[in-house]
C-alpha atoms as a PDB file:
ATOM      1  CA  UNK A   1      21.887 -11.415 -39.040  1.00  0.00           C
ATOM      2  CA  UNK A   2      23.956  -8.644 -37.451  1.00  0.00           C
ATOM      3  CA  UNK A   3      25.707  -9.272 -34.143  1.00  0.00           C
ATOM      4  CA  UNK A   4      28.326  -7.738 -31.860  1.00  0.00           C
ATOM      5  CA  UNK A   5      31.388  -9.974 -32.099  1.00  0.00           C
ATOM      6  CA  UNK A   6      34.572 -10.139 -30.037  1.00  0.00           C
ATOM      7  CA  UNK A   7      37.727 -10.028 -32.157  1.00  0.00           C
ATOM      8  CA  UNK A   8      40.345  -9.485 -29.471  1.00  0.00           C
ATOM      9  CA  UNK A   9      41.182  -7.299 -26.520  1.00  0.00           C
ATOM     10  CA  UNK A  10      39.495  -3.886 -26.893  1.00  0.00           C
ATOM     11  CA  UNK A  11      38.211  -4.959 -30.304  1.00  0.00           C
ATOM     12  CA  UNK A  12      34.509  -5.656 -30.826  1.00  0.00           C
ATOM     13  CA  UNK A  13      32.708  -5.278 -34.146  1.00  0.00           C
ATOM     14  CA  UNK A  14      29.179  -5.443 -35.521  1.00  0.00           C
ATOM     15  CA  UNK A  15      29.350  -8.168 -38.144  1.00  0.00           C
ATOM     16  CA  UNK A  16      27.091 -10.252 -40.364  1.00  0.00           C
ATOM     17  CA  UNK A  17      26.894 -13.828 -39.061  1.00  0.00           C
ATOM     18  CA  UNK A  18      24.637 -16.842 -39.747  1.00  0.00           C
ATOM     19  CA  UNK A  19      21.224 -16.881 -38.095  1.00  0.00           C
ATOM     20  CA  UNK A  20      20.972 -19.352 -35.188  1.00  0.00           C
ATOM     21  CA  UNK A  21      19.100 -22.616 -35.686  1.00  0.00           C
ATOM     22  CA  UNK A  22      17.616 -25.229 -33.373  1.00  0.00           C
ATOM     23  CA  UNK A  23      20.286 -27.761 -32.382  1.00  0.00           C
ATOM     24  CA  UNK A  24      18.325 -29.642 -29.735  1.00  0.00           C
ATOM     25  CA  UNK A  25      14.615 -30.463 -29.334  1.00  0.00           C
ATOM     26  CA  UNK A  26      14.569 -28.390 -26.138  1.00  0.00           C
ATOM     27  CA  UNK A  27      15.919 -25.249 -27.880  1.00  0.00           C
ATOM     28  CA  UNK A  28      14.117 -22.071 -28.863  1.00  0.00           C
ATOM     29  CA  UNK A  29      15.174 -19.194 -31.098  1.00  0.00           C
ATOM     30  CA  UNK A  30      14.420 -15.691 -29.817  1.00  0.00           C
ATOM     31  CA  UNK A  31      14.325 -12.493 -31.863  1.00  0.00           C
ATOM     32  CA  UNK A  32      16.036  -9.876 -29.706  1.00  0.00           C
ATOM     33  CA  UNK A  33      14.049  -6.722 -28.968  1.00  0.00           C
ATOM     34  CA  UNK A  34      16.224  -5.249 -26.197  1.00  0.00           C
ATOM     35  CA  UNK A  35      19.668  -5.926 -24.790  1.00  0.00           C
ATOM     36  CA  UNK A  36      21.948  -4.245 -22.261  1.00  0.00           C
ATOM     37  CA  UNK A  37      25.662  -3.987 -21.552  1.00  0.00           C
ATOM     38  CA  UNK A  38      26.758  -5.511 -18.242  1.00  0.00           C
ATOM     39  CA  UNK A  39      29.871  -4.588 -16.301  1.00  0.00           C
ATOM     40  CA  UNK A  40      30.945  -8.189 -16.896  1.00  0.00           C
ATOM     41  CA  UNK A  41      30.969  -7.474 -20.634  1.00  0.00           C
ATOM     42  CA  UNK A  42      33.685  -4.917 -19.943  1.00  0.00           C
ATOM     43  CA  UNK A  43      35.821  -7.677 -18.394  1.00  0.00           C
ATOM     44  CA  UNK A  44      35.640  -9.471 -21.739  1.00  0.00           C
ATOM     45  CA  UNK A  45      36.305  -6.273 -23.678  1.00  0.00           C
ATOM     46  CA  UNK A  46      39.385  -5.538 -21.575  1.00  0.00           C
ATOM     47  CA  UNK A  47      40.749  -9.049 -22.097  1.00  0.00           C
ATOM     48  CA  UNK A  48      40.377 -10.388 -18.559  1.00  0.00           C
ATOM     49  CA  UNK A  49      38.193 -13.416 -19.389  1.00  0.00           C
ATOM     50  CA  UNK A  50      40.030 -16.437 -20.851  1.00  0.00           C
ATOM     51  CA  UNK A  51      38.457 -18.781 -23.360  1.00  0.00           C
ATOM     52  CA  UNK A  52      37.233 -16.180 -25.852  1.00  0.00           C
ATOM     53  CA  UNK A  53      37.574 -16.868 -29.572  1.00  0.00           C
ATOM     54  CA  UNK A  54      37.454 -14.439 -32.485  1.00  0.00           C
ATOM     55  CA  UNK A  55      33.895 -14.058 -33.692  1.00  0.00           C
ATOM     56  CA  UNK A  56      32.217 -14.926 -30.381  1.00  0.00           C
ATOM     57  CA  UNK A  57      28.921 -13.053 -29.974  1.00  0.00           C
ATOM     58  CA  UNK A  58      28.661 -11.026 -26.770  1.00  0.00           C
ATOM     59  CA  UNK A  59      25.766 -10.227 -24.475  1.00  0.00           C
ATOM     60  CA  UNK A  60      23.902 -11.847 -21.593  1.00  0.00           C
ATOM     61  CA  UNK A  61      21.232  -9.295 -20.657  1.00  0.00           C
ATOM     62  CA  UNK A  62      18.550  -9.606 -23.312  1.00  0.00           C
ATOM     63  CA  UNK A  63      14.906 -10.268 -24.042  1.00  0.00           C
ATOM     64  CA  UNK A  64      12.765 -10.728 -27.103  1.00  0.00           C
ATOM     65  CA  UNK A  65      10.099 -12.694 -28.949  1.00  0.00           C
ATOM     66  CA  UNK A  66      10.122 -16.460 -29.415  1.00  0.00           C
ATOM     67  CA  UNK A  67      10.141 -17.204 -33.155  1.00  0.00           C
ATOM     68  CA  UNK A  68      10.863 -20.942 -33.175  1.00  0.00           C
ATOM     69  CA  UNK A  69      10.738 -23.818 -30.681  1.00  0.00           C
ATOM     70  CA  UNK A  70      11.940 -27.394 -30.637  1.00  0.00           C
ATOM     71  CA  UNK A  71       9.428 -30.259 -30.440  1.00  0.00           C
ATOM     72  CA  UNK A  72      10.017 -30.840 -26.702  1.00  0.00           C
ATOM     73  CA  UNK A  73       9.505 -27.208 -25.654  1.00  0.00           C
ATOM     74  CA  UNK A  74       6.181 -26.779 -23.843  1.00  0.00           C
ATOM     75  CA  UNK A  75       6.343 -23.780 -21.500  1.00  0.00           C
ATOM     76  CA  UNK A  76       6.987 -21.039 -24.078  1.00  0.00           C
ATOM     77  CA  UNK A  77       5.373 -20.656 -27.465  1.00  0.00           C
ATOM     78  CA  UNK A  78       6.082 -18.839 -30.709  1.00  0.00           C
ATOM     79  CA  UNK A  79       5.023 -15.220 -30.238  1.00  0.00           C
ATOM     80  CA  UNK A  80       5.746 -15.060 -26.491  1.00  0.00           C
ATOM     81  CA  UNK A  81       7.753 -12.082 -25.224  1.00  0.00           C
ATOM     82  CA  UNK A  82      10.346 -13.520 -22.859  1.00  0.00           C
ATOM     83  CA  UNK A  83      13.153 -12.558 -20.527  1.00  0.00           C
ATOM     84  CA  UNK A  84      16.195 -14.810 -20.812  1.00  0.00           C
ATOM     85  CA  UNK A  85      18.451 -15.220 -17.733  1.00  0.00           C
ATOM     86  CA  UNK A  86      22.249 -15.097 -17.976  1.00  0.00           C
ATOM     87  CA  UNK A  87      22.650 -18.657 -16.708  1.00  0.00           C
ATOM     88  CA  UNK A  88      21.699 -21.673 -18.813  1.00  0.00           C
ATOM     89  CA  UNK A  89      20.196 -24.479 -16.733  1.00  0.00           C
ATOM     90  CA  UNK A  90      18.801 -27.894 -17.652  1.00  0.00           C
ATOM     91  CA  UNK A  91      16.149 -28.003 -14.937  1.00  0.00           C
ATOM     92  CA  UNK A  92      16.591 -31.655 -13.945  1.00  0.00           C
ATOM     93  CA  UNK A  93      20.147 -32.219 -12.620  1.00  0.00           C
ATOM     94  CA  UNK A  94      21.064 -32.464  -8.901  1.00  0.00           C
ATOM     95  CA  UNK A  95      21.712 -28.729  -8.626  1.00  0.00           C
ATOM     96  CA  UNK A  96      18.765 -27.517 -10.699  1.00  0.00           C
ATOM     97  CA  UNK A  97      16.367 -29.626  -8.612  1.00  0.00           C
ATOM     98  CA  UNK A  98      17.633 -27.674  -5.597  1.00  0.00           C
ATOM     99  CA  UNK A  99      17.239 -24.266  -7.294  1.00  0.00           C
ATOM    100  CA  UNK A 100      21.022 -23.909  -7.668  1.00  0.00           C
ATOM    101  CA  UNK A 101      20.694 -23.057 -11.340  1.00  0.00           C
ATOM    102  CA  UNK A 102      24.133 -21.492 -11.777  1.00  0.00           C
ATOM    103  CA  UNK A 103      25.740 -24.820 -10.807  1.00  0.00           C
ATOM    104  CA  UNK A 104      23.884 -26.833 -13.471  1.00  0.00           C
ATOM    105  CA  UNK A 105      25.710 -30.058 -14.293  1.00  0.00           C
ATOM    106  CA  UNK A 106      24.484 -30.363 -17.866  1.00  0.00           C
ATOM    107  CA  UNK A 107      24.599 -26.986 -19.602  1.00  0.00           C
ATOM    108  CA  UNK A 108      28.369 -26.408 -19.750  1.00  0.00           C
ATOM    109  CA  UNK A 109      30.137 -28.846 -22.100  1.00  0.00           C
ATOM    110  CA  UNK A 110      33.477 -27.316 -21.078  1.00  0.00           C
ATOM    111  CA  UNK A 111      32.966 -27.678 -17.330  1.00  0.00           C
ATOM    112  CA  UNK A 112      36.266 -29.507 -16.829  1.00  0.00           C
ATOM    113  CA  UNK A 113      38.258 -26.575 -18.228  1.00  0.00           C
ATOM    114  CA  UNK A 114      36.364 -24.082 -16.073  1.00  0.00           C
ATOM    115  CA  UNK A 115      36.935 -26.219 -12.994  1.00  0.00           C
ATOM    116  CA  UNK A 116      40.651 -26.574 -13.725  1.00  0.00           C
ATOM    117  CA  UNK A 117      40.994 -22.792 -13.937  1.00  0.00           C
ATOM    118  CA  UNK A 118      38.570 -21.621 -11.240  1.00  0.00           C
ATOM    119  CA  UNK A 119      38.300 -24.561  -8.874  1.00  0.00           C
ATOM    120  CA  UNK A 120      34.616 -24.961  -9.777  1.00  0.00           C
ATOM    121  CA  UNK A 121      32.725 -25.264 -13.039  1.00  0.00           C
ATOM    122  CA  UNK A 122      29.253 -23.768 -12.984  1.00  0.00           C
ATOM    123  CA  UNK A 123      26.560 -23.639 -15.628  1.00  0.00           C
ATOM    124  CA  UNK A 124      26.754 -22.554 -19.221  1.00  0.00           C
ATOM    125  CA  UNK A 125      26.492 -18.803 -19.766  1.00  0.00           C
ATOM    126  CA  UNK A 126      25.347 -16.741 -22.719  1.00  0.00           C
ATOM    127  CA  UNK A 127      28.088 -14.777 -24.460  1.00  0.00           C
ATOM    128  CA  UNK A 128      30.735 -15.416 -21.821  1.00  0.00           C
ATOM    129  CA  UNK A 129      33.582 -17.458 -23.307  1.00  0.00           C
ATOM    130  CA  UNK A 130      34.137 -21.100 -24.103  1.00  0.00           C
ATOM    131  CA  UNK A 131      34.916 -21.817 -20.453  1.00  0.00           C
ATOM    132  CA  UNK A 132      31.158 -21.556 -19.979  1.00  0.00           C
ATOM    133  CA  UNK A 133      29.998 -23.401 -23.058  1.00  0.00           C
ATOM    134  CA  UNK A 134      30.802 -20.993 -25.885  1.00  0.00           C
ATOM    135  CA  UNK A 135      27.147 -20.037 -26.267  1.00  0.00           C
ATOM    136  CA  UNK A 136      26.406 -17.107 -28.566  1.00  0.00           C
ATOM    137  CA  UNK A 137      25.143 -14.079 -26.657  1.00  0.00           C
ATOM    138  CA  UNK A 138      22.196 -11.785 -27.106  1.00  0.00           C
ATOM    139  CA  UNK A 139      23.775  -8.641 -28.540  1.00  0.00           C
ATOM    140  CA  UNK A 140      22.453  -9.784 -31.892  1.00  0.00           C
ATOM    141  CA  UNK A 141      19.245  -9.939 -33.880  1.00  0.00           C
ATOM    142  CA  UNK A 142      18.529 -13.548 -32.870  1.00  0.00           C
ATOM    143  CA  UNK A 143      19.825 -16.042 -30.310  1.00  0.00           C
ATOM    144  CA  UNK A 144      19.467 -19.761 -29.703  1.00  0.00           C
ATOM    145  CA  UNK A 145      18.213 -20.498 -26.192  1.00  0.00           C
ATOM    146  CA  UNK A 146      18.929 -24.031 -24.897  1.00  0.00           C
ATOM    147  CA  UNK A 147      16.582 -25.656 -22.343  1.00  0.00           C
ATOM    148  CA  UNK A 148      13.913 -23.143 -23.294  1.00  0.00           C
ATOM    149  CA  UNK A 149      11.384 -24.568 -20.829  1.00  0.00           C
ATOM    150  CA  UNK A 150      13.653 -23.676 -17.899  1.00  0.00           C
ATOM    151  CA  UNK A 151      15.201 -20.217 -18.200  1.00  0.00           C
ATOM    152  CA  UNK A 152      12.993 -17.940 -20.304  1.00  0.00           C
ATOM    153  CA  UNK A 153       9.760 -16.684 -18.819  1.00  0.00           C
ATOM    154  CA  UNK A 154       6.981 -14.656 -20.430  1.00  0.00           C
ATOM    155  CA  UNK A 155       6.723 -10.902 -19.876  1.00  0.00           C
ATOM    156  CA  UNK A 156       3.267  -9.801 -18.667  1.00  0.00           C
ATOM    157  CA  UNK A 157       1.095  -7.791 -21.023  1.00  0.00           C
ATOM    158  CA  UNK A 158       1.609  -4.057 -20.564  1.00  0.00           C
ATOM    159  CA  UNK A 159       5.184  -4.346 -19.216  1.00  0.00           C
ATOM    160  CA  UNK A 160       7.664  -2.619 -21.533  1.00  0.00           C
ATOM    161  CA  UNK A 161      11.106  -3.902 -22.465  1.00  0.00           C
ATOM    162  CA  UNK A 162      12.635  -1.012 -20.556  1.00  0.00           C
ATOM    163  CA  UNK A 163      10.745  -1.979 -17.404  1.00  0.00           C
ATOM    164  CA  UNK A 164      11.634  -5.669 -17.649  1.00  0.00           C
ATOM    165  CA  UNK A 165      15.113  -5.882 -19.169  1.00  0.00           C
ATOM    166  CA  UNK A 166      17.202  -5.591 -15.992  1.00  0.00           C
ATOM    167  CA  UNK A 167      15.463  -8.674 -14.577  1.00  0.00           C
ATOM    168  CA  UNK A 168      17.638 -10.770 -16.905  1.00  0.00           C
ATOM    169  CA  UNK A 169      20.738 -10.410 -14.713  1.00  0.00           C
ATOM    170  CA  UNK A 170      21.650  -7.240 -12.867  1.00  0.00           C
ATOM    171  CA  UNK A 171      18.501  -6.752 -10.766  1.00  0.00           C
ATOM    172  CA  UNK A 172      18.557 -10.383  -9.520  1.00  0.00           C
ATOM    173  CA  UNK A 173      22.230  -9.909  -8.619  1.00  0.00           C
ATOM    174  CA  UNK A 174      21.396  -6.942  -6.403  1.00  0.00           C
ATOM    175  CA  UNK A 175      18.334  -8.713  -5.023  1.00  0.00           C
ATOM    176  CA  UNK A 176      20.343 -11.791  -4.042  1.00  0.00           C
ATOM    177  CA  UNK A 177      22.847  -9.592  -2.195  1.00  0.00           C
ATOM    178  CA  UNK A 178      19.968  -8.234  -0.121  1.00  0.00           C
ATOM    179  CA  UNK A 179      18.194 -11.567   0.207  1.00  0.00           C
ATOM    180  CA  UNK A 180      21.158 -13.419   1.728  1.00  0.00           C
ATOM    181  CA  UNK A 181      21.318 -10.754   4.451  1.00  0.00           C
ATOM    182  CA  UNK A 182      18.073 -12.105   5.948  1.00  0.00           C
ATOM    183  CA  UNK A 183      16.547  -8.641   6.218  1.00  0.00           C
ATOM    184  CA  UNK A 184      13.595  -8.231   8.580  1.00  0.00           C
ATOM    185  CA  UNK A 185      10.949  -5.525   8.709  1.00  0.00           C
ATOM    186  CA  UNK A 186      12.116  -2.354  10.403  1.00  0.00           C
ATOM    187  CA  UNK A 187      15.849  -3.017  10.130  1.00  0.00           C
ATOM    188  CA  UNK A 188      18.522  -0.582   8.980  1.00  0.00           C
ATOM    189  CA  UNK A 189      20.715  -1.830   6.134  1.00  0.00           C
ATOM    190  CA  UNK A 190      24.004  -0.402   4.829  1.00  0.00           C
ATOM    191  CA  UNK A 191      24.973  -0.987   1.193  1.00  0.00           C
ATOM    192  CA  UNK A 192      28.632  -0.363   0.374  1.00  0.00           C
ATOM    193  CA  UNK A 193      29.013   0.494  -3.296  1.00  0.00           C
ATOM    194  CA  UNK A 194      26.420   2.405  -5.328  1.00  0.00           C
ATOM    195  CA  UNK A 195      27.125   1.181  -8.822  1.00  0.00           C
ATOM    196  CA  UNK A 196      24.294  -0.426 -10.788  1.00  0.00           C
ATOM    197  CA  UNK A 197      24.223  -3.605  -8.677  1.00  0.00           C
ATOM    198  CA  UNK A 198      24.367  -1.555  -5.495  1.00  0.00           C
ATOM    199  CA  UNK A 199      21.430   0.580  -6.620  1.00  0.00           C
ATOM    200  CA  UNK A 200      19.349  -2.550  -7.122  1.00  0.00           C
ATOM    201  CA  UNK A 201      20.514  -3.923  -3.769  1.00  0.00           C
ATOM    202  CA  UNK A 202      19.188  -0.745  -2.142  1.00  0.00           C
ATOM    203  CA  UNK A 203      15.799  -1.078  -3.826  1.00  0.00           C
ATOM    204  CA  UNK A 204      15.706  -4.776  -2.921  1.00  0.00           C
ATOM    205  CA  UNK A 205      16.520  -4.084   0.723  1.00  0.00           C
ATOM    206  CA  UNK A 206      13.507  -1.794   0.927  1.00  0.00           C
ATOM    207  CA  UNK A 207      11.359  -4.397  -0.839  1.00  0.00           C
ATOM    208  CA  UNK A 208      12.415  -6.992   1.743  1.00  0.00           C
ATOM    209  CA  UNK A 209      11.288  -4.772   4.605  1.00  0.00           C
ATOM    210  CA  UNK A 210      14.199  -2.523   5.582  1.00  0.00           C
ATOM    211  CA  UNK A 211      13.095   0.703   7.242  1.00  0.00           C
ATOM    212  CA  UNK A 212      16.301   2.616   6.469  1.00  0.00           C
ATOM    213  CA  UNK A 213      18.974   1.975   3.843  1.00  0.00           C
ATOM    214  CA  UNK A 214      22.292   3.794   4.029  1.00  0.00           C
ATOM    215  CA  UNK A 215      24.316   3.878   0.801  1.00  0.00           C
ATOM    216  CA  UNK A 216      28.108   4.249   0.962  1.00  0.00           C
ATOM    217  CA  UNK A 217      30.338   5.329  -1.929  1.00  0.00           C
ATOM    218  CA  UNK A 218      32.739   8.081  -3.006  1.00  0.00           C
ATOM    219  CA  UNK A 219      31.353   9.080  -6.394  1.00  0.00           C
ATOM    220  CA  UNK A 220      28.957  12.051  -6.190  1.00  0.00           C
ATOM    221  CA  UNK A 221      26.803  10.944  -9.133  1.00  0.00           C
ATOM    222  CA  UNK A 222      26.270   7.492  -7.673  1.00  0.00           C
ATOM    223  CA  UNK A 223      25.474   8.884  -4.251  1.00  0.00           C
ATOM    224  CA  UNK A 224      23.015  11.321  -5.828  1.00  0.00           C
ATOM    225  CA  UNK A 225      21.253   8.488  -7.649  1.00  0.00           C
ATOM    226  CA  UNK A 226      21.101   6.419  -4.467  1.00  0.00           C
ATOM    227  CA  UNK A 227      19.589   9.353  -2.594  1.00  0.00           C
ATOM    228  CA  UNK A 228      17.127  10.690  -5.135  1.00  0.00           C
ATOM    229  CA  UNK A 229      16.164   7.593  -7.120  1.00  0.00           C
ATOM    230  CA  UNK A 230      16.633   4.722  -4.672  1.00  0.00           C
ATOM    231  CA  UNK A 231      15.622   6.882  -1.662  1.00  0.00           C
ATOM    232  CA  UNK A 232      18.606   5.932   0.503  1.00  0.00           C
ATOM    233  CA  UNK A 233      20.516   7.968   3.045  1.00  0.00           C
ATOM    234  CA  UNK A 234      24.069   8.443   1.806  1.00  0.00           C
ATOM    235  CA  UNK A 235      27.610   8.548   3.167  1.00  0.00           C
ATOM    236  CA  UNK A 236      30.700   9.638   1.227  1.00  0.00           C
ATOM    237  CA  UNK A 237      33.400   7.434   2.729  1.00  0.00           C
ATOM    238  CA  UNK A 238      36.139   9.947   1.867  1.00  0.00           C
ATOM    239  CA  UNK A 239      34.652  12.437   4.305  1.00  0.00           C
ATOM    240  CA  UNK A 240      35.098  10.624   7.590  1.00  0.00           C
ATOM    241  CA  UNK A 241      34.918   7.377   9.532  1.00  0.00           C
ATOM    242  CA  UNK A 242      32.056   5.372   8.051  1.00  0.00           C
ATOM    243  CA  UNK A 243      31.683   3.084  11.068  1.00  0.00           C
ATOM    244  CA  UNK A 244      31.357   6.040  13.413  1.00  0.00           C
ATOM    245  CA  UNK A 245      28.774   7.661  11.166  1.00  0.00           C
ATOM    246  CA  UNK A 246      26.784   4.448  10.978  1.00  0.00           C
ATOM    247  CA  UNK A 247      26.610   4.346  14.765  1.00  0.00           C
END
């Protein structure tokens, strides 16, 4: 198959690599139909993420069609269109049982190295270095998905890849930012930073009941998107005291 491989700082290449195979009875293989580039991929590209090896396949925002499943996989079937989250979680450890999927105890075989470097380990991650398991990512024609009964979930009939793809990582990131704010109906919410995650945080704040959302940034194109697409009020923080304007 063809895949986007990391070969060093500022050096990624589309290469021919072996197709993935089932390594565990809980695995699935997914044929990729859509994938996206995350800002975190740029950290890898620029050489800021340790633990990368030449030939590692990038990508953690992807979806596709299940083409093969292990004998213990029950929740997804061959032919299902699925979204695949960035994090890889086992579903049965202490953290997974408490919905703390990104802290999974079982999906990162290199957890000790990640903990030594970061002070915490965390789950395995697709396409994000050997500190997080060395799993091949989804910027490829196919990908192996461990614990396929836990992460992937079917896409409803009639929903396009374009409509669903951002639910793999970036939309949930923005949603969580809004969710932890404990937003109540009728409140006014300020979102500082109108990049892609910020845009989704704005939309999520409205979905959680905010009456007004005020978006703060300095880039005109991002402010314009926040105003016209996400329907926020906007403040350019280079043009005055933001706190005073929020009052």
